Amino acid sequence: MGEKVKIYGSATCTNCNMAKDYLNSRGIGYDFVDVTKDREALKEMREISGGARSIPVIVVCNKVVIGFDQEELEQVLRCLEN
């Protein structure tokens, strides 16, 4: 079974790195996909997010968070407690 959290972003994206740091600090595993190097992942990200062009796009339990908003991310992470 893969991780329940997936981050679409890039290695040089400040907000992407903030999201990864936040998840690491909480001990939450995730899959990270660099959409600047993977065209299929970019296409998938846009489909999942309704066409978002900004990163990160974070998927948690099939809920999508666009950008790094710690409060919103905390709310969707509650699904992992089940």
PDB file of N, CA and C in Angstrom:
ATOM      1  N   MET A   1       0.847  -1.187   0.000  1.00  0.00           N
ATOM      2  CA  MET A   1       0.000   0.000   0.000  1.00  0.00           C
ATOM      3  C   MET A   1       0.885   1.241   0.000  1.00  0.00           C
ATOM      4  N   GLY A   2       0.574   2.199  -0.854  1.00  0.00           N
ATOM      5  CA  GLY A   2       1.357   3.423  -0.940  1.00  0.00           C
ATOM      6  C   GLY A   2       0.973   4.401   0.163  1.00  0.00           C
ATOM      7  N   GLU A   3       1.650   5.508   0.173  1.00  0.00           N
ATOM      8  CA  GLU A   3       1.350   6.535   1.159  1.00  0.00           C
ATOM      9  C   GLU A   3      -0.037   7.119   0.883  1.00  0.00           C
ATOM     10  N   LYS A   4      -0.672   7.637   1.920  1.00  0.00           N
ATOM     11  CA  LYS A   4      -1.978   8.257   1.771  1.00  0.00           C
ATOM     12  C   LYS A   4      -1.858   9.739   1.440  1.00  0.00           C
ATOM     13  N   VAL A   5      -0.623  10.265   1.459  1.00  0.00           N
ATOM     14  CA  VAL A   5      -0.393  11.674   1.152  1.00  0.00           C
ATOM     15  C   VAL A   5       0.518  11.743  -0.062  1.00  0.00           C
ATOM     16  N   LYS A   6       0.140  12.579  -1.018  1.00  0.00           N
ATOM     17  CA  LYS A   6       0.953  12.752  -2.219  1.00  0.00           C
ATOM     18  C   LYS A   6       1.108  14.245  -2.465  1.00  0.00           C
ATOM     19  N   ILE A   7       2.340  14.647  -2.720  1.00  0.00           N
ATOM     20  CA  ILE A   7       2.634  16.055  -2.998  1.00  0.00           C
ATOM     21  C   ILE A   7       3.129  16.160  -4.433  1.00  0.00           C
ATOM     22  N   TYR A   8       2.457  16.993  -5.204  1.00  0.00           N
ATOM     23  CA  TYR A   8       2.912  17.337  -6.546  1.00  0.00           C
ATOM     24  C   TYR A   8       3.603  18.683  -6.413  1.00  0.00           C
ATOM     25  N   GLY A   9       4.852  18.774  -6.848  1.00  0.00           N
ATOM     26  CA  GLY A   9       5.579  20.028  -6.705  1.00  0.00           C
ATOM     27  C   GLY A   9       6.875  20.003  -7.480  1.00  0.00           C
ATOM     28  N   SER A  10       7.824  20.800  -7.017  1.00  0.00           N
ATOM     29  CA  SER A  10       9.160  20.809  -7.619  1.00  0.00           C
ATOM     30  C   SER A  10      10.188  20.962  -6.505  1.00  0.00           C
ATOM     31  N   ALA A  11      11.398  20.542  -6.793  1.00  0.00           N
ATOM     32  CA  ALA A  11      12.470  20.579  -5.793  1.00  0.00           C
ATOM     33  C   ALA A  11      12.826  22.005  -5.375  1.00  0.00           C
ATOM     34  N   THR A  12      12.590  22.975  -6.244  1.00  0.00           N
ATOM     35  CA  THR A  12      12.974  24.355  -5.949  1.00  0.00           C
ATOM     36  C   THR A  12      11.821  25.212  -5.422  1.00  0.00           C
ATOM     37  N   CYS A  13      10.672  24.612  -5.211  1.00  0.00           N
ATOM     38  CA  CYS A  13       9.478  25.343  -4.752  1.00  0.00           C
ATOM     39  C   CYS A  13       9.527  25.506  -3.232  1.00  0.00           C
ATOM     40  N   THR A  14       9.552  26.746  -2.768  1.00  0.00           N
ATOM     41  CA  THR A  14       9.619  27.029  -1.334  1.00  0.00           C
ATOM     42  C   THR A  14       8.422  26.459  -0.584  1.00  0.00           C
ATOM     43  N   ASN A  15       7.213  26.677  -1.106  1.00  0.00           N
ATOM     44  CA  ASN A  15       6.023  26.167  -0.431  1.00  0.00           C
ATOM     45  C   ASN A  15       5.964  24.643  -0.442  1.00  0.00           C
ATOM     46  N   CYS A  16       6.495  24.031  -1.485  1.00  0.00           N
ATOM     47  CA  CYS A  16       6.563  22.568  -1.540  1.00  0.00           C
ATOM     48  C   CYS A  16       7.477  22.059  -0.430  1.00  0.00           C
ATOM     49  N   ASN A  17       8.610  22.707  -0.275  1.00  0.00           N
ATOM     50  CA  ASN A  17       9.562  22.312   0.763  1.00  0.00           C
ATOM     51  C   ASN A  17       8.997  22.555   2.157  1.00  0.00           C
ATOM     52  N   MET A  18       8.221  23.620   2.321  1.00  0.00           N
ATOM     53  CA  MET A  18       7.570  23.883   3.602  1.00  0.00           C
ATOM     54  C   MET A  18       6.565  22.776   3.916  1.00  0.00           C
ATOM     55  N   ALA A  19       5.826  22.336   2.910  1.00  0.00           N
ATOM     56  CA  ALA A  19       4.848  21.261   3.104  1.00  0.00           C
ATOM     57  C   ALA A  19       5.565  19.968   3.496  1.00  0.00           C
ATOM     58  N   LYS A  20       6.662  19.653   2.811  1.00  0.00           N
ATOM     59  CA  LYS A  20       7.417  18.444   3.135  1.00  0.00           C
ATOM     60  C   LYS A  20       7.993  18.535   4.543  1.00  0.00           C
ATOM     61  N   ASP A  21       8.552  19.691   4.912  1.00  0.00           N
ATOM     62  CA  ASP A  21       9.105  19.883   6.254  1.00  0.00           C
ATOM     63  C   ASP A  21       8.025  19.712   7.323  1.00  0.00           C
ATOM     64  N   TYR A  22       6.850  20.260   7.051  1.00  0.00           N
ATOM     65  CA  TYR A  22       5.741  20.152   7.995  1.00  0.00           C
ATOM     66  C   TYR A  22       5.337  18.689   8.193  1.00  0.00           C
ATOM     67  N   LEU A  23       5.173  17.964   7.097  1.00  0.00           N
ATOM     68  CA  LEU A  23       4.792  16.551   7.195  1.00  0.00           C
ATOM     69  C   LEU A  23       5.883  15.746   7.902  1.00  0.00           C
ATOM     70  N   ASN A  24       7.141  16.032   7.577  1.00  0.00           N
ATOM     71  CA  ASN A  24       8.252  15.355   8.253  1.00  0.00           C
ATOM     72  C   ASN A  24       8.226  15.613   9.754  1.00  0.00           C
ATOM     73  N   SER A  25       7.943  16.851  10.148  1.00  0.00           N
ATOM     74  CA  SER A  25       7.922  17.202  11.569  1.00  0.00           C
ATOM     75  C   SER A  25       6.802  16.482  12.310  1.00  0.00           C
ATOM     76  N   ARG A  26       5.756  16.111  11.588  1.00  0.00           N
ATOM     77  CA  ARG A  26       4.631  15.377  12.190  1.00  0.00           C
ATOM     78  C   ARG A  26       4.790  13.871  12.046  1.00  0.00           C
ATOM     79  N   GLY A  27       5.863  13.445  11.374  1.00  0.00           N
ATOM     80  CA  GLY A  27       6.098  12.018  11.191  1.00  0.00           C
ATOM     81  C   GLY A  27       5.146  11.371  10.199  1.00  0.00           C
ATOM     82  N   ILE A  28       4.652  12.162   9.263  1.00  0.00           N
ATOM     83  CA  ILE A  28       3.695  11.668   8.274  1.00  0.00           C
ATOM     84  C   ILE A  28       4.424  11.375   6.967  1.00  0.00           C
ATOM     85  N   GLY A  29       4.317  10.153   6.500  1.00  0.00           N
ATOM     86  CA  GLY A  29       4.953   9.770   5.243  1.00  0.00           C
ATOM     87  C   GLY A  29       4.181  10.310   4.050  1.00  0.00           C
ATOM     88  N   TYR A  30       4.874  10.477   2.948  1.00  0.00           N
ATOM     89  CA  TYR A  30       4.240  11.007   1.738  1.00  0.00           C
ATOM     90  C   TYR A  30       5.044  10.578   0.526  1.00  0.00           C
ATOM     91  N   ASP A  31       4.373  10.631  -0.611  1.00  0.00           N
ATOM     92  CA  ASP A  31       5.053  10.462  -1.896  1.00  0.00           C
ATOM     93  C   ASP A  31       5.210  11.852  -2.488  1.00  0.00           C
ATOM     94  N   PHE A  32       6.394  12.162  -2.994  1.00  0.00           N
ATOM     95  CA  PHE A  32       6.641  13.459  -3.642  1.00  0.00           C
ATOM     96  C   PHE A  32       6.913  13.221  -5.116  1.00  0.00           C
ATOM     97  N   VAL A  33       6.211  13.986  -5.959  1.00  0.00           N
ATOM     98  CA  VAL A  33       6.397  13.871  -7.398  1.00  0.00           C
ATOM     99  C   VAL A  33       6.798  15.240  -7.936  1.00  0.00           C
ATOM    100  N   ASP A  34       7.923  15.300  -8.624  1.00  0.00           N
ATOM    101  CA  ASP A  34       8.405  16.554  -9.210  1.00  0.00           C
ATOM    102  C   ASP A  34       7.763  16.715 -10.581  1.00  0.00           C
ATOM    103  N   VAL A  35       6.782  17.616 -10.667  1.00  0.00           N
ATOM    104  CA  VAL A  35       6.034  17.793 -11.912  1.00  0.00           C
ATOM    105  C   VAL A  35       6.841  18.516 -12.987  1.00  0.00           C
ATOM    106  N   THR A  36       7.998  19.072 -12.608  1.00  0.00           N
ATOM    107  CA  THR A  36       8.844  19.711 -13.623  1.00  0.00           C
ATOM    108  C   THR A  36       9.652  18.662 -14.381  1.00  0.00           C
ATOM    109  N   LYS A  37       9.700  17.450 -13.857  1.00  0.00           N
ATOM    110  CA  LYS A  37      10.468  16.379 -14.491  1.00  0.00           C
ATOM    111  C   LYS A  37       9.603  15.235 -14.989  1.00  0.00           C
ATOM    112  N   ASP A  38       8.319  15.264 -14.677  1.00  0.00           N
ATOM    113  CA  ASP A  38       7.429  14.162 -15.012  1.00  0.00           C
ATOM    114  C   ASP A  38       6.141  14.712 -15.618  1.00  0.00           C
ATOM    115  N   ARG A  39       6.054  14.683 -16.941  1.00  0.00           N
ATOM    116  CA  ARG A  39       4.889  15.243 -17.637  1.00  0.00           C
ATOM    117  C   ARG A  39       3.589  14.521 -17.289  1.00  0.00           C
ATOM    118  N   GLU A  40       3.661  13.215 -17.098  1.00  0.00           N
ATOM    119  CA  GLU A  40       2.460  12.459 -16.733  1.00  0.00           C
ATOM    120  C   GLU A  40       1.957  12.889 -15.360  1.00  0.00           C
ATOM    121  N   ALA A  41       2.879  13.129 -14.438  1.00  0.00           N
ATOM    122  CA  ALA A  41       2.497  13.592 -13.106  1.00  0.00           C
ATOM    123  C   ALA A  41       1.872  14.985 -13.184  1.00  0.00           C
ATOM    124  N   LEU A  42       2.408  15.839 -14.044  1.00  0.00           N
ATOM    125  CA  LEU A  42       1.839  17.180 -14.227  1.00  0.00           C
ATOM    126  C   LEU A  42       0.409  17.074 -14.746  1.00  0.00           C
ATOM    127  N   LYS A  43       0.198  16.200 -15.702  1.00  0.00           N
ATOM    128  CA  LYS A  43      -1.147  15.984 -16.254  1.00  0.00           C
ATOM    129  C   LYS A  43      -2.089  15.460 -15.173  1.00  0.00           C
ATOM    130  N   GLU A  44      -1.611  14.491 -14.405  1.00  0.00           N
ATOM    131  CA  GLU A  44      -2.404  13.927 -13.314  1.00  0.00           C
ATOM    132  C   GLU A  44      -2.745  14.999 -12.283  1.00  0.00           C
ATOM    133  N   MET A  45      -1.765  15.835 -11.925  1.00  0.00           N
ATOM    134  CA  MET A  45      -1.985  16.904 -10.953  1.00  0.00           C
ATOM    135  C   MET A  45      -3.076  17.855 -11.427  1.00  0.00           C
ATOM    136  N   ARG A  46      -3.015  18.221 -12.685  1.00  0.00           N
ATOM    137  CA  ARG A  46      -4.016  19.160 -13.225  1.00  0.00           C
ATOM    138  C   ARG A  46      -5.404  18.538 -13.244  1.00  0.00           C
ATOM    139  N   GLU A  47      -5.492  17.253 -13.545  1.00  0.00           N
ATOM    140  CA  GLU A  47      -6.793  16.578 -13.540  1.00  0.00           C
ATOM    141  C   GLU A  47      -7.364  16.519 -12.124  1.00  0.00           C
ATOM    142  N   ILE A  48      -6.550  16.146 -11.172  1.00  0.00           N
ATOM    143  CA  ILE A  48      -6.976  16.006  -9.783  1.00  0.00           C
ATOM    144  C   ILE A  48      -7.400  17.346  -9.188  1.00  0.00           C
ATOM    145  N   SER A  49      -6.686  18.406  -9.562  1.00  0.00           N
ATOM    146  CA  SER A  49      -6.888  19.716  -8.935  1.00  0.00           C
ATOM    147  C   SER A  49      -7.840  20.627  -9.697  1.00  0.00           C
ATOM    148  N   GLY A  50      -8.406  20.145 -10.772  1.00  0.00           N
ATOM    149  CA  GLY A  50      -9.299  20.997 -11.556  1.00  0.00           C
ATOM    150  C   GLY A  50      -8.545  22.013 -12.399  1.00  0.00           C
ATOM    151  N   GLY A  51      -7.316  21.683 -12.767  1.00  0.00           N
ATOM    152  CA  GLY A  51      -6.538  22.536 -13.651  1.00  0.00           C
ATOM    153  C   GLY A  51      -5.564  23.471 -12.973  1.00  0.00           C
ATOM    154  N   ALA A  52      -5.271  23.241 -11.716  1.00  0.00           N
ATOM    155  CA  ALA A  52      -4.349  24.120 -10.978  1.00  0.00           C
ATOM    156  C   ALA A  52      -3.007  24.216 -11.688  1.00  0.00           C
ATOM    157  N   ARG A  53      -2.457  25.412 -11.678  1.00  0.00           N
ATOM    158  CA  ARG A  53      -1.141  25.637 -12.269  1.00  0.00           C
ATOM    159  C   ARG A  53      -0.109  26.003 -11.215  1.00  0.00           C
ATOM    160  N   SER A  54      -0.562  26.152  -9.975  1.00  0.00           N
ATOM    161  CA  SER A  54       0.372  26.474  -8.902  1.00  0.00           C
ATOM    162  C   SER A  54       0.650  25.220  -8.075  1.00  0.00           C
ATOM    163  N   ILE A  55       1.809  25.214  -7.450  1.00  0.00           N
ATOM    164  CA  ILE A  55       2.217  24.092  -6.629  1.00  0.00           C
ATOM    165  C   ILE A  55       2.568  24.588  -5.234  1.00  0.00           C
ATOM    166  N   PRO A  56       2.524  23.751  -4.255  1.00  0.00           N
ATOM    167  CA  PRO A  56       2.228  22.331  -4.318  1.00  0.00           C
ATOM    168  C   PRO A  56       0.736  22.049  -4.435  1.00  0.00           C
ATOM    169  N   VAL A  57       0.446  20.883  -4.953  1.00  0.00           N
ATOM    170  CA  VAL A  57      -0.891  20.309  -4.870  1.00  0.00           C
ATOM    171  C   VAL A  57      -0.712  19.075  -3.997  1.00  0.00           C
ATOM    172  N   ILE A  58      -1.429  19.071  -2.886  1.00  0.00           N
ATOM    173  CA  ILE A  58      -1.279  18.007  -1.892  1.00  0.00           C
ATOM    174  C   ILE A  58      -2.583  17.223  -1.840  1.00  0.00           C
ATOM    175  N   VAL A  59      -2.470  15.911  -1.994  1.00  0.00           N
ATOM    176  CA  VAL A  59      -3.642  15.049  -1.957  1.00  0.00           C
ATOM    177  C   VAL A  59      -3.556  14.190  -0.705  1.00  0.00           C
ATOM    178  N   VAL A  60      -4.603  14.285   0.123  1.00  0.00           N
ATOM    179  CA  VAL A  60      -4.678  13.523   1.366  1.00  0.00           C
ATOM    180  C   VAL A  60      -6.043  12.840   1.397  1.00  0.00           C
ATOM    181  N   CYS A  61      -6.048  11.523   1.414  1.00  0.00           N
ATOM    182  CA  CYS A  61      -7.310  10.773   1.482  1.00  0.00           C
ATOM    183  C   CYS A  61      -8.311  11.277   0.430  1.00  0.00           C
ATOM    184  N   ASN A  62      -7.832  11.490  -0.770  1.00  0.00           N
ATOM    185  CA  ASN A  62      -8.646  11.956  -1.900  1.00  0.00           C
ATOM    186  C   ASN A  62      -9.161  13.386  -1.754  1.00  0.00           C
ATOM    187  N   LYS A  63      -8.635  14.142  -0.806  1.00  0.00           N
ATOM    188  CA  LYS A  63      -8.950  15.567  -0.680  1.00  0.00           C
ATOM    189  C   LYS A  63      -7.756  16.340  -1.206  1.00  0.00           C
ATOM    190  N   VAL A  64      -8.025  17.441  -1.909  1.00  0.00           N
ATOM    191  CA  VAL A  64      -6.970  18.196  -2.570  1.00  0.00           C
ATOM    192  C   VAL A  64      -6.771  19.547  -1.890  1.00  0.00           C
ATOM    193  N   VAL A  65      -5.508  19.841  -1.566  1.00  0.00           N
ATOM    194  CA  VAL A  65      -5.123  21.142  -1.015  1.00  0.00           C
ATOM    195  C   VAL A  65      -4.169  21.771  -2.018  1.00  0.00           C
ATOM    196  N   ILE A  66      -4.502  22.961  -2.486  1.00  0.00           N
ATOM    197  CA  ILE A  66      -3.643  23.665  -3.439  1.00  0.00           C
ATOM    198  C   ILE A  66      -2.876  24.727  -2.680  1.00  0.00           C
ATOM    199  N   GLY A  67      -1.556  24.651  -2.783  1.00  0.00           N
ATOM    200  CA  GLY A  67      -0.694  25.549  -2.028  1.00  0.00           C
ATOM    201  C   GLY A  67      -0.431  24.978  -0.652  1.00  0.00           C
ATOM    202  N   PHE A  68       0.431  25.640   0.116  1.00  0.00           N
ATOM    203  CA  PHE A  68       0.707  25.194   1.479  1.00  0.00           C
ATOM    204  C   PHE A  68      -0.026  26.094   2.449  1.00  0.00           C
ATOM    205  N   ASP A  69      -1.123  25.579   2.976  1.00  0.00           N
ATOM    206  CA  ASP A  69      -1.914  26.254   3.999  1.00  0.00           C
ATOM    207  C   ASP A  69      -1.940  25.292   5.184  1.00  0.00           C
ATOM    208  N   GLN A  70      -1.150  25.589   6.202  1.00  0.00           N
ATOM    209  CA  GLN A  70      -0.974  24.662   7.313  1.00  0.00           C
ATOM    210  C   GLN A  70      -2.296  24.309   7.984  1.00  0.00           C
ATOM    211  N   GLU A  71      -3.161  25.285   8.201  1.00  0.00           N
ATOM    212  CA  GLU A  71      -4.441  25.018   8.862  1.00  0.00           C
ATOM    213  C   GLU A  71      -5.310  24.091   8.029  1.00  0.00           C
ATOM    214  N   GLU A  72      -5.398  24.356   6.739  1.00  0.00           N
ATOM    215  CA  GLU A  72      -6.197  23.499   5.859  1.00  0.00           C
ATOM    216  C   GLU A  72      -5.600  22.096   5.805  1.00  0.00           C
ATOM    217  N   LEU A  73      -4.288  22.021   5.731  1.00  0.00           N
ATOM    218  CA  LEU A  73      -3.618  20.727   5.681  1.00  0.00           C
ATOM    219  C   LEU A  73      -3.871  19.934   6.966  1.00  0.00           C
ATOM    220  N   GLU A  74      -3.826  20.613   8.111  1.00  0.00           N
ATOM    221  CA  GLU A  74      -4.113  19.943   9.382  1.00  0.00           C
ATOM    222  C   GLU A  74      -5.517  19.349   9.380  1.00  0.00           C
ATOM    223  N   GLN A  75      -6.467  20.075   8.825  1.00  0.00           N
ATOM    224  CA  GLN A  75      -7.847  19.585   8.787  1.00  0.00           C
ATOM    225  C   GLN A  75      -7.971  18.326   7.935  1.00  0.00           C
ATOM    226  N   VAL A  76      -7.367  18.322   6.748  1.00  0.00           N
ATOM    227  CA  VAL A  76      -7.505  17.149   5.889  1.00  0.00           C
ATOM    228  C   VAL A  76      -6.680  15.974   6.390  1.00  0.00           C
ATOM    229  N   LEU A  77      -5.618  16.242   7.142  1.00  0.00           N
ATOM    230  CA  LEU A  77      -4.800  15.161   7.683  1.00  0.00           C
ATOM    231  C   LEU A  77      -5.541  14.347   8.736  1.00  0.00           C
ATOM    232  N   ARG A  78      -6.629  14.871   9.267  1.00  0.00           N
ATOM    233  CA  ARG A  78      -7.403  14.143  10.272  1.00  0.00           C
ATOM    234  C   ARG A  78      -7.923  12.819   9.733  1.00  0.00           C
ATOM    235  N   CYS A  79      -8.088  12.720   8.434  1.00  0.00           N
ATOM    236  CA  CYS A  79      -8.578  11.468   7.837  1.00  0.00           C
ATOM    237  C   CYS A  79      -7.593  10.330   8.067  1.00  0.00           C
ATOM    238  N   LEU A  80      -6.327  10.641   8.313  1.00  0.00           N
ATOM    239  CA  LEU A  80      -5.320   9.607   8.536  1.00  0.00           C
ATOM    240  C   LEU A  80      -5.456   8.956   9.907  1.00  0.00           C
ATOM    241  N   GLU A  81      -6.183   9.597  10.802  1.00  0.00           N
ATOM    242  CA  GLU A  81      -6.355   9.074  12.155  1.00  0.00           C
ATOM    243  C   GLU A  81      -7.297   7.885  12.185  1.00  0.00           C
ATOM    244  N   ASN A  82      -8.072   7.714  11.141  1.00  0.00           N
ATOM    245  CA  ASN A  82      -9.049   6.599  11.092  1.00  0.00           C
ATOM    246  C   ASN A  82      -8.382   5.285  10.765  1.00  0.00           C
TER     247      ASN A  82
END
